[in-house]
C-alpha cells in the first residue's frame, strides 16, 4: 500500500475536510488518515488563533477531551495483564471509597450506573475538584441506574479509574502515562499540560460568524484521566495505529482485541454504536470501527480505526459546539477504504492436511444442518453452511487425542470430539455435545 494517498483519494479527502470546515464553521481543523502503520494524508485548514491570524499547522496541539479515556483504559488493561487488577472485581477492591457494586469491567464499559459528573457544578465554576475533593464528594454521588443495567456515560467513573491507576502505580497520572504509554509509543506531542504551538479554544456564535475565546479550565490529576489531554492529529494517528496493531512494550494486540469486544450497546434500537472496554464502537455499513470522541470547552475531537483493515482517521478542531469531528473521521476513513480496496493474498498449495485431521474433513450433518470441516492456511476450520455472514465459522486447535477446542468464532470454547470404531476409523463427531454424522439423521 502507498505511504501517501493516491491523487484521486487526496482530492476527495481534501474536499471532505473543506466541506466540513465551511459548513460546520470550524475556526480551524487538523486531520490525518492512516493506513498500515503510516500517515497517508494530513491537512489543516483555518486559524488556530483568530486574533493573531495564526494559521493552523500539523504541530498545533488541541485538547482531545474524552479520547483521554482510551489512554486511561490502556493503563487499566496493563494492570489487568500484570495481575494487579481483576476486570471482574468490584472497584472497591482497589478504591475503598468507590460506590458499592460496580466492577472494573463495568467502569470501562460505562455500565456502572454511577452519575455522569463529579458532584458539584464544575462546568459552571470551571474548577475541577482536587483528588481529595473528588473522593470526599463520592458520598453525594448517585447510582442513577442499577450496575450493569445499561450503558450510561460517566466522567466521574473514569476519574475514579484514574485514581485506581495512581494508587496502584504509586505515582501521579501524568508520570504513569508518560512512562507506560506516551514515551514507549513516541507520542511526544501528547500531554496533560499544553506546549506551544497550541490552538485557542473558541465558542462560535450560533447566529453570527463571530467567535469568543472559551475558558481554559485548570488541569487537575483528579479528573485528568477522564478528559484533559492535549495532542496533535499526527499523535492521535499514531495512537490509532497502536489501537489497531498493539505493541508488546505497551499492550499486545490480544488485549486490544478484548477491549474491542462489545460490552454494551449505546443505541439499543439501531445497533450502530456500542462500547467495549474503554473504546467506542461505531458501525458504518458492514464495517465496525473502534475509537472515541472528545469535547472540552472550545475543542472537539474524533478518532476511529478499522482494526482489520488497519485504516483510520483523526480529526481535531477548536470549536466547542456545532462541529462533528467523530462523523468526519469516519467519513475520511470510509473514503480511504473505498479508494484502497485490499488485494487478496495469493493462494499457494501447502503439504495438505495432517494425518490426524484427514479422516475428519468434508461434510458432516447435525440437526439437519450441514457442517464442513477443512484445513485452510494450516488451520482446522468448521463452517456451518448457510449461517448468517460472519457467524458460521469456527477455528479449532488440538486439545488431546481425538479432541479439538474451538478457539475462535462460532461455538468458541466448545469441544469437538471424534469417535472411532474397533478398526480405528472415525464414525462420528460430537461438537458441543451435538452428534455429527456423515449422512443426515434424526435425533436419537
Protein backbone atom coordinates (compact mmCIF):
# COMPACT_ATOMS: atom_id res chain seq x y z
CA UNK A 1 0.00 0.00 0.00
CA UNK A 2 1.24 3.54 -0.69
CA UNK A 3 2.68 5.65 2.13
CA UNK A 4 0.88 8.62 0.59
CA UNK A 5 -2.68 8.66 -0.68
CA UNK A 6 -3.19 8.42 -4.45
CA UNK A 7 -4.06 11.70 -6.14
CA UNK A 8 -7.77 10.92 -6.55
CA UNK A 9 -8.10 9.96 -2.88
CA UNK A 10 -6.19 13.07 -1.79
CA UNK A 11 -8.64 15.24 -3.73
CA UNK A 12 -11.60 13.51 -2.09
CA UNK A 13 -10.14 13.81 1.42
CA UNK A 14 -9.32 17.48 0.81
CA UNK A 15 -12.90 18.02 -0.36
CA UNK A 16 -14.45 16.30 2.65
CA UNK A 17 -12.33 18.39 5.02
CA UNK A 18 -13.09 21.66 3.22
CA UNK A 19 -16.84 20.99 3.20
CA UNK A 20 -16.84 20.14 6.90
CA UNK A 21 -14.75 23.18 7.84
CA UNK A 22 -17.04 25.51 5.92
CA UNK A 23 -20.42 24.01 6.77
CA UNK A 24 -19.63 23.29 10.42
CA UNK A 25 -17.87 26.65 10.88
CA UNK A 26 -14.68 25.37 12.45
CA UNK A 27 -12.14 28.13 13.18
CA UNK A 28 -9.52 25.50 12.35
CA UNK A 29 -9.36 21.77 11.77
CA UNK A 30 -6.42 19.38 11.72
CA UNK A 31 -6.85 15.87 10.31
CA UNK A 32 -4.90 12.74 9.39
CA UNK A 33 -5.72 9.48 7.65
CA UNK A 34 -3.53 6.48 8.42
CA UNK A 35 -3.14 3.09 6.80
CA UNK A 36 -0.89 0.10 7.56
CA UNK A 37 1.15 1.92 10.16
CA UNK A 38 1.75 5.15 8.23
CA UNK A 39 0.01 8.51 7.82
CA UNK A 40 -1.01 8.64 4.16
CA UNK A 41 -2.72 12.05 4.22
CA UNK A 42 -2.83 15.06 6.51
CA UNK A 43 -4.19 18.54 6.21
CA UNK A 44 -5.01 21.62 8.27
CA UNK A 45 -7.45 24.41 7.46
CA UNK A 46 -8.30 27.67 9.17
CA UNK A 47 -6.91 29.67 12.07
CA UNK A 48 -5.52 28.18 15.24
CA UNK A 49 -5.59 31.72 16.68
CA UNK A 50 -8.18 34.04 15.16
CA UNK A 51 -6.99 37.16 16.97
CA UNK A 52 -3.41 36.68 15.84
CA UNK A 53 -4.41 35.40 12.38
CA UNK A 54 -2.20 32.34 13.00
CA UNK A 55 -2.88 29.51 10.57
CA UNK A 56 -3.24 26.02 11.96
CA UNK A 57 -0.33 23.63 11.36
CA UNK A 58 0.14 19.91 11.99
CA UNK A 59 2.23 20.85 15.04
CA UNK A 60 -0.61 22.62 16.85
CA UNK A 61 -1.93 20.91 19.94
CA UNK A 62 -5.68 20.72 20.60
CA UNK A 63 -7.47 19.41 23.63
CA UNK A 64 -8.75 15.91 22.85
CA UNK A 65 -11.29 15.66 25.69
CA UNK A 66 -12.62 12.19 26.32
CA UNK A 67 -10.27 10.49 23.85
CA UNK A 68 -8.12 10.65 27.01
CA UNK A 69 -10.28 7.82 28.33
CA UNK A 70 -8.77 5.45 25.76
CA UNK A 71 -5.34 6.12 27.29
CA UNK A 72 -6.69 5.52 30.81
CA UNK A 73 -8.32 2.30 29.65
CA UNK A 74 -4.98 1.06 28.28
CA UNK A 75 -3.32 1.83 31.62
CA UNK A 76 -6.01 -0.19 33.41
CA UNK A 77 -5.63 -3.09 30.96
CA UNK A 78 -1.88 -3.08 31.60
CA UNK A 79 -2.62 -3.60 35.29
CA UNK A 80 -5.05 -6.39 34.39
CA UNK A 81 -2.41 -8.20 32.33
CA UNK A 82 0.10 -7.81 35.16
CA UNK A 83 -2.36 -9.44 37.59
CA UNK A 84 -2.62 -6.31 39.73
CA UNK A 85 -6.25 -5.61 38.81
CA UNK A 86 -9.09 -8.05 38.11
CA UNK A 87 -11.58 -6.92 35.47
CA UNK A 88 -14.48 -8.51 37.30
CA UNK A 89 -13.54 -7.39 40.80
CA UNK A 90 -15.55 -4.56 42.39
CA UNK A 91 -13.98 -1.11 42.07
CA UNK A 92 -13.98 -1.05 45.87
CA UNK A 93 -11.27 -3.74 45.84
CA UNK A 94 -8.79 -1.08 44.69
CA UNK A 95 -10.62 2.09 45.79
CA UNK A 96 -12.49 1.53 49.07
CA UNK A 97 -14.33 4.84 48.67
CA UNK A 98 -15.89 3.81 45.33
CA UNK A 99 -19.63 3.13 45.07
CA UNK A 100 -20.66 -0.40 46.06
CA UNK A 101 -21.48 -2.84 43.28
CA UNK A 102 -19.81 -1.73 40.03
CA UNK A 103 -16.83 -3.73 38.77
CA UNK A 104 -13.77 -2.60 36.83
CA UNK A 105 -15.31 -4.09 33.65
CA UNK A 106 -18.48 -2.05 34.21
CA UNK A 107 -16.38 1.07 34.78
CA UNK A 108 -14.51 0.65 31.49
CA UNK A 109 -17.73 -0.04 29.56
CA UNK A 110 -19.84 2.73 31.17
CA UNK A 111 -22.32 0.30 32.73
CA UNK A 112 -21.79 1.16 36.41
CA UNK A 113 -24.94 3.25 36.70
CA UNK A 114 -22.94 5.96 38.51
CA UNK A 115 -23.93 9.56 37.74
CA UNK A 116 -22.23 11.26 34.82
CA UNK A 117 -20.19 14.03 36.51
CA UNK A 118 -18.47 14.59 39.87
CA UNK A 119 -20.85 16.16 42.41
CA UNK A 120 -20.99 19.95 42.11
CA UNK A 121 -21.32 22.25 39.13
CA UNK A 122 -17.79 22.04 37.75
CA UNK A 123 -18.88 23.01 34.23
CA UNK A 124 -20.17 26.29 35.63
CA UNK A 125 -17.40 27.05 38.11
CA UNK A 126 -14.78 25.64 35.69
CA UNK A 127 -12.87 24.46 38.73
CA UNK A 128 -12.48 20.68 38.80
CA UNK A 129 -12.08 19.06 42.21
CA UNK A 130 -8.75 18.08 43.69
CA UNK A 131 -8.12 14.39 44.28
CA UNK A 132 -9.14 14.84 47.91
CA UNK A 133 -12.30 16.72 46.95
CA UNK A 134 -13.20 14.12 44.33
CA UNK A 135 -13.05 11.30 46.87
CA UNK A 136 -14.86 13.31 49.56
CA UNK A 137 -17.61 14.12 47.09
CA UNK A 138 -18.39 10.45 46.46
CA UNK A 139 -20.70 10.49 49.48
CA UNK A 140 -23.04 12.63 47.37
CA UNK A 141 -22.71 10.64 44.14
CA UNK A 142 -25.82 8.82 42.95
CA UNK A 143 -26.33 5.43 41.39
CA UNK A 144 -28.79 6.62 38.77
CA UNK A 145 -29.16 3.10 37.31
CA UNK A 146 -28.56 -0.39 38.64
CA UNK A 147 -24.97 -1.58 37.99
CA UNK A 148 -24.88 -3.48 34.71
CA UNK A 149 -28.40 -2.40 33.71
CA UNK A 150 -27.46 -0.43 30.60
CA UNK A 151 -24.89 1.92 29.08
CA UNK A 152 -24.62 5.27 30.87
CA UNK A 153 -21.61 7.50 30.20
CA UNK A 154 -19.73 8.67 33.28
CA UNK A 155 -16.80 11.07 33.53
CA UNK A 156 -16.83 10.53 37.28
CA UNK A 157 -16.18 6.81 36.90
CA UNK A 158 -13.18 7.37 34.63
CA UNK A 159 -11.81 9.85 37.15
CA UNK A 160 -12.06 7.02 39.69
CA UNK A 161 -10.27 4.66 37.29
CA UNK A 162 -7.51 7.26 37.11
CA UNK A 163 -7.37 7.26 40.92
CA UNK A 164 -7.04 3.46 40.88
CA UNK A 165 -4.20 3.74 38.34
CA UNK A 166 -2.42 6.28 40.55
CA UNK A 167 -2.87 4.32 43.78
CA UNK A 168 -1.80 1.06 42.17
CA UNK A 169 1.12 2.68 40.36
CA UNK A 170 2.29 4.81 43.27
CA UNK A 171 2.73 7.97 41.17
CA UNK A 172 0.76 10.77 39.52
CA UNK A 173 -1.33 10.19 36.41
CA UNK A 174 0.91 12.26 34.11
CA UNK A 175 4.05 10.44 35.25
CA UNK A 176 2.49 7.00 34.85
CA UNK A 177 1.04 7.86 31.44
CA UNK A 178 4.36 9.19 30.15
CA UNK A 179 6.35 6.22 31.40
CA UNK A 180 3.96 3.43 30.45
CA UNK A 181 2.37 4.73 27.24
CA UNK A 182 3.47 8.05 25.74
CA UNK A 183 7.23 7.54 25.80
CA UNK A 184 7.22 3.91 24.57
CA UNK A 185 4.97 4.86 21.63
CA UNK A 186 6.82 8.09 20.80
CA UNK A 187 3.80 10.34 21.43
CA UNK A 188 5.89 13.41 22.12
CA UNK A 189 3.10 15.94 21.44
CA UNK A 190 0.56 14.40 23.80
CA UNK A 191 0.44 15.79 27.34
CA UNK A 192 -1.73 16.93 30.26
CA UNK A 193 -0.26 20.42 30.05
CA UNK A 194 -0.19 22.14 26.64
CA UNK A 195 3.02 23.01 24.84
CA UNK A 196 3.26 25.64 22.11
CA UNK A 197 2.11 25.86 19.46
CA UNK A 198 -1.43 25.26 20.70
CA UNK A 199 -4.81 26.19 19.28
CA UNK A 200 -7.02 28.76 21.01
CA UNK A 201 -10.40 27.41 22.19
CA UNK A 202 -13.45 29.16 20.72
CA UNK A 203 -17.18 29.42 21.13
CA UNK A 204 -18.60 30.08 17.66
CA UNK A 205 -21.64 32.33 17.92
CA UNK A 206 -24.74 30.41 16.77
CA UNK A 207 -26.46 33.29 14.92
CA UNK A 208 -23.44 35.18 13.65
CA UNK A 209 -19.95 34.39 12.45
CA UNK A 210 -18.11 35.82 15.44
CA UNK A 211 -16.07 33.78 17.90
CA UNK A 212 -15.39 34.17 21.61
CA UNK A 213 -12.47 32.67 23.50
CA UNK A 214 -13.60 29.89 25.81
CA UNK A 215 -12.49 29.45 29.41
CA UNK A 216 -9.41 27.31 29.91
CA UNK A 217 -10.11 25.08 32.94
CA UNK A 218 -7.18 24.21 35.14
CA UNK A 219 -5.66 20.76 34.85
CA UNK A 220 -6.01 18.51 37.89
CA UNK A 221 -4.98 14.87 38.10
CA UNK A 222 -8.30 14.10 39.79
CA UNK A 223 -10.18 14.43 36.51
CA UNK A 224 -7.21 14.31 34.13
CA UNK A 225 -7.81 10.63 33.38
CA UNK A 226 -11.30 11.40 32.11
CA UNK A 227 -10.63 14.05 29.51
CA UNK A 228 -7.84 16.57 29.85
CA UNK A 229 -5.10 15.56 27.43
CA UNK A 230 -3.75 17.75 24.62
CA UNK A 231 -2.49 16.20 21.39
CA UNK A 232 -1.99 16.65 17.66
CA UNK A 233 -3.67 14.87 14.78
CA UNK A 234 -0.37 13.16 13.98
CA UNK A 235 -0.02 11.81 17.52
CA UNK A 236 -3.64 10.65 17.52
CA UNK A 237 -3.00 8.87 14.22
CA UNK A 238 -0.08 7.04 15.86
CA UNK A 239 -2.38 6.19 18.77
CA UNK A 240 -4.93 4.82 16.29
CA UNK A 241 -2.24 2.67 14.70
CA UNK A 242 -1.44 1.28 18.14
CA UNK A 243 -5.12 0.52 18.77
CA UNK A 244 -5.11 -1.48 15.52
CA UNK A 245 -1.88 -3.42 15.94
CA UNK A 246 -0.88 -3.30 19.59
CA UNK A 247 2.69 -3.01 20.81
CA UNK A 248 4.25 -5.57 23.15
CA UNK A 249 6.03 -2.77 25.00
CA UNK A 250 2.64 -1.26 25.94
CA UNK A 251 -0.23 -3.69 25.32
CA UNK A 252 -0.31 -6.63 22.87
CA UNK A 253 -2.89 -6.98 20.14
CA UNK A 254 -4.73 -9.75 22.01
CA UNK A 255 -5.53 -7.33 24.85
CA UNK A 256 -6.80 -4.76 22.36
CA UNK A 257 -8.97 -7.49 20.81
CA UNK A 258 -10.54 -7.88 24.24
CA UNK A 259 -11.03 -4.12 24.56
CA UNK A 260 -12.96 -4.01 21.28
CA UNK A 261 -15.44 -6.79 22.10
CA UNK A 262 -18.93 -5.37 22.63
CA UNK A 263 -19.82 -4.93 26.30
CA UNK A 264 -22.88 -2.72 25.84
CA UNK A 265 -24.99 -1.19 23.08
CA UNK A 266 -25.36 2.57 23.09
CA UNK A 267 -28.30 2.85 20.69
CA UNK A 268 -30.30 -0.23 21.55
CA UNK A 269 -32.71 0.16 18.63
CA UNK A 270 -30.31 0.70 15.70
CA UNK A 271 -27.21 -1.14 16.98
CA UNK A 272 -24.96 1.32 15.16
CA UNK A 273 -22.90 2.24 18.25
CA UNK A 274 -21.61 0.13 21.09
CA UNK A 275 -18.93 0.15 23.75
CA UNK A 276 -16.03 -2.12 24.55
CA UNK A 277 -13.55 -1.71 27.41
CA UNK A 278 -12.79 2.00 27.20
CA UNK A 279 -13.39 2.17 23.44
CA UNK A 280 -16.41 3.32 21.48
CA UNK A 281 -17.51 1.05 18.63
CA UNK A 282 -19.10 2.55 15.53
CA UNK A 283 -20.85 0.67 12.73
CA UNK A 284 -20.76 2.07 9.19
CA UNK A 285 -22.46 -0.40 6.85
CA UNK A 286 -20.63 -3.70 7.22
CA UNK A 287 -17.59 -2.13 8.88
CA UNK A 288 -17.04 -1.64 12.62
CA UNK A 289 -14.58 0.97 13.88
CA UNK A 290 -13.06 1.45 17.32
CA UNK A 291 -12.24 4.88 18.71
CA UNK A 292 -13.66 7.73 20.76
CA UNK A 293 -14.85 11.29 20.58
CA UNK A 294 -13.81 14.19 22.76
CA UNK A 295 -15.20 17.53 23.91
CA UNK A 296 -13.82 20.27 26.12
CA UNK A 297 -14.65 24.00 26.22
CA UNK A 298 -13.60 25.28 22.79
CA UNK A 299 -12.45 21.91 21.45
CA UNK A 300 -13.93 18.83 19.77
CA UNK A 301 -12.10 15.72 18.56
CA UNK A 302 -12.69 12.37 16.89
CA UNK A 303 -10.61 9.24 16.35
CA UNK A 304 -11.57 6.00 14.62
CA UNK A 305 -9.76 2.92 13.32
CA UNK A 306 -10.99 -0.08 11.35
CA UNK A 307 -8.69 -2.61 13.00
CA UNK A 308 -8.98 -5.42 10.44
CA UNK A 309 -8.13 -3.01 7.61
CA UNK A 310 -5.58 -1.12 9.77
CA UNK A 311 -7.08 2.14 8.48
CA UNK A 312 -8.46 5.14 10.36
CA UNK A 313 -8.56 8.89 10.85
CA UNK A 314 -8.09 11.58 13.49
CA UNK A 315 -9.76 15.00 13.48
CA UNK A 316 -9.21 17.95 15.85
CA UNK A 317 -10.94 21.33 15.87
CA UNK A 318 -11.01 24.41 18.09
CA UNK A 319 -14.74 24.94 18.41
CA UNK A 320 -16.73 23.52 21.27
CA UNK A 321 -20.10 23.19 19.52
CA UNK A 322 -21.67 22.75 16.12
CA UNK A 323 -18.99 20.51 14.60
CA UNK A 324 -18.94 16.72 14.24
CA UNK A 325 -15.32 15.52 14.16
CA UNK A 326 -16.27 11.91 15.00
CA UNK A 327 -18.50 11.71 11.93
CA UNK A 328 -15.85 13.44 9.82
CA UNK A 329 -13.18 10.97 10.96
CA UNK A 330 -15.46 8.11 9.93
CA UNK A 331 -16.13 9.79 6.57
CA UNK A 332 -12.40 10.18 5.93
CA UNK A 333 -11.65 6.58 6.88
CA UNK A 334 -14.51 5.29 4.74
CA UNK A 335 -13.24 7.27 1.75
CA UNK A 336 -9.79 5.75 2.17
CA UNK A 337 -11.17 2.22 2.44
CA UNK A 338 -13.34 2.64 -0.66
CA UNK A 339 -10.42 4.03 -2.66
CA UNK A 340 -7.88 1.44 -1.47
CA UNK A 341 -9.50 -2.00 -1.63
CA UNK A 342 -7.30 -4.83 -0.42
CA UNK A 343 -5.86 -7.29 -2.90
CA UNK A 344 -6.28 -10.84 -1.51
CA UNK A 345 -3.17 -12.74 -0.54
CA UNK A 346 -2.00 -15.07 -3.29
CA UNK A 347 -3.09 -18.66 -2.67
CA UNK A 348 -0.44 -21.33 -2.84
CA UNK A 349 -0.51 -25.06 -2.08
CA UNK A 350 0.99 -26.50 1.09
CA UNK A 351 1.58 -30.00 2.42
CA UNK A 352 -2.14 -30.71 2.82
CA UNK A 353 -4.00 -31.91 5.90
CA UNK A 354 -2.06 -33.57 8.73
CA UNK A 355 -2.80 -37.31 9.07
CA UNK A 356 -4.87 -36.92 12.25
CA UNK A 357 -7.23 -34.49 10.54
CA UNK A 358 -7.51 -36.02 7.05
CA UNK A 359 -10.26 -38.56 8.02
CA UNK A 360 -12.38 -35.76 9.51
CA UNK A 361 -12.52 -33.46 6.51
CA UNK A 362 -15.58 -32.93 4.37
CA UNK A 363 -19.31 -32.85 5.02
CA UNK A 364 -20.99 -33.70 8.30
CA UNK A 365 -24.59 -33.28 9.41
CA UNK A 366 -26.29 -32.33 12.66
CA UNK A 367 -29.92 -31.30 13.31
CA UNK A 368 -30.44 -31.36 9.55
CA UNK A 369 -27.72 -28.73 9.13
CA UNK A 370 -24.53 -29.21 7.14
CA UNK A 371 -21.10 -28.55 8.67
CA UNK A 372 -17.97 -28.69 6.50
CA UNK A 373 -14.60 -29.43 8.09
CA UNK A 374 -11.49 -28.31 6.25
CA UNK A 375 -7.90 -27.16 6.70
CA UNK A 376 -7.17 -23.69 5.36
CA UNK A 377 -3.81 -21.98 5.71
CA UNK A 378 -2.71 -24.72 8.07
CA UNK A 379 -5.67 -24.14 10.44
CA UNK A 380 -8.51 -26.55 11.25
CA UNK A 381 -11.85 -24.99 10.30
CA UNK A 382 -15.54 -25.85 10.73
CA UNK A 383 -18.21 -23.96 8.78
CA UNK A 384 -21.96 -24.12 9.32
CA UNK A 385 -23.32 -23.94 5.77
CA UNK A 386 -25.95 -21.23 5.28
CA UNK A 387 -25.20 -19.36 8.52
CA UNK A 388 -25.53 -15.59 8.64
CA UNK A 389 -22.39 -13.81 7.32
CA UNK A 390 -19.67 -13.70 9.94
CA UNK A 391 -21.35 -16.18 12.29
CA UNK A 392 -20.77 -19.64 10.78
CA UNK A 393 -17.02 -20.33 11.02
CA UNK A 394 -15.15 -21.96 13.89
CA UNK A 395 -11.38 -22.34 14.18
CA UNK A 396 -10.08 -25.25 16.24
CA UNK A 397 -6.84 -26.32 17.90
CA UNK A 398 -5.79 -29.70 19.38
CA UNK A 399 -6.96 -30.42 22.94
CA UNK A 400 -5.77 -34.01 23.40
CA UNK A 401 -6.18 -37.26 21.44
CA UNK A 402 -9.20 -37.03 19.09
CA UNK A 403 -10.18 -33.74 20.73
CA UNK A 404 -10.11 -30.18 19.40
CA UNK A 405 -11.18 -26.96 21.08
CA UNK A 406 -12.88 -24.04 19.30
CA UNK A 407 -10.56 -21.09 19.92
CA UNK A 408 -12.17 -18.52 17.63
CA UNK A 409 -15.53 -17.84 16.03
CA UNK A 410 -18.78 -19.80 16.34
CA UNK A 411 -19.10 -22.00 19.47
CA UNK A 412 -15.90 -20.56 20.93
CA UNK A 413 -14.69 -22.61 23.88
CA UNK A 414 -16.67 -25.73 22.93
CA UNK A 415 -15.17 -29.17 22.28
CA UNK A 416 -15.08 -31.23 19.09
CA UNK A 417 -14.60 -34.94 19.84
CA UNK A 418 -14.06 -37.86 17.44
CA UNK A 419 -15.43 -41.37 17.97
CA UNK A 420 -13.69 -44.35 16.31
CA UNK A 421 -14.74 -47.93 15.66
CA UNK A 422 -12.73 -51.02 16.52
CA UNK A 423 -10.64 -50.62 13.37
CA UNK A 424 -9.75 -47.04 14.27
CA UNK A 425 -11.95 -45.38 11.64
CA UNK A 426 -13.78 -42.16 12.62
CA UNK A 427 -17.52 -42.92 12.70
CA UNK A 428 -18.98 -39.92 14.45
CA UNK A 429 -18.10 -36.50 15.84
CA UNK A 430 -19.55 -34.52 18.72
CA UNK A 431 -19.44 -30.70 18.66
CA UNK A 432 -20.65 -29.02 21.85
CA UNK A 433 -22.20 -32.48 22.58
CA UNK A 434 -24.27 -32.43 19.35
CA UNK A 435 -23.66 -35.57 17.23
CA UNK A 436 -22.27 -35.08 13.72
CA UNK A 437 -22.81 -37.87 11.19
CA UNK A 438 -21.75 -38.31 7.58
CA UNK A 439 -25.38 -38.56 6.44
CA UNK A 440 -28.41 -36.51 7.58
CA UNK A 441 -30.12 -38.25 10.51
CA UNK A 442 -32.90 -37.73 13.05
CA UNK A 443 -32.20 -37.07 16.71
CA UNK A 444 -31.69 -40.23 18.75
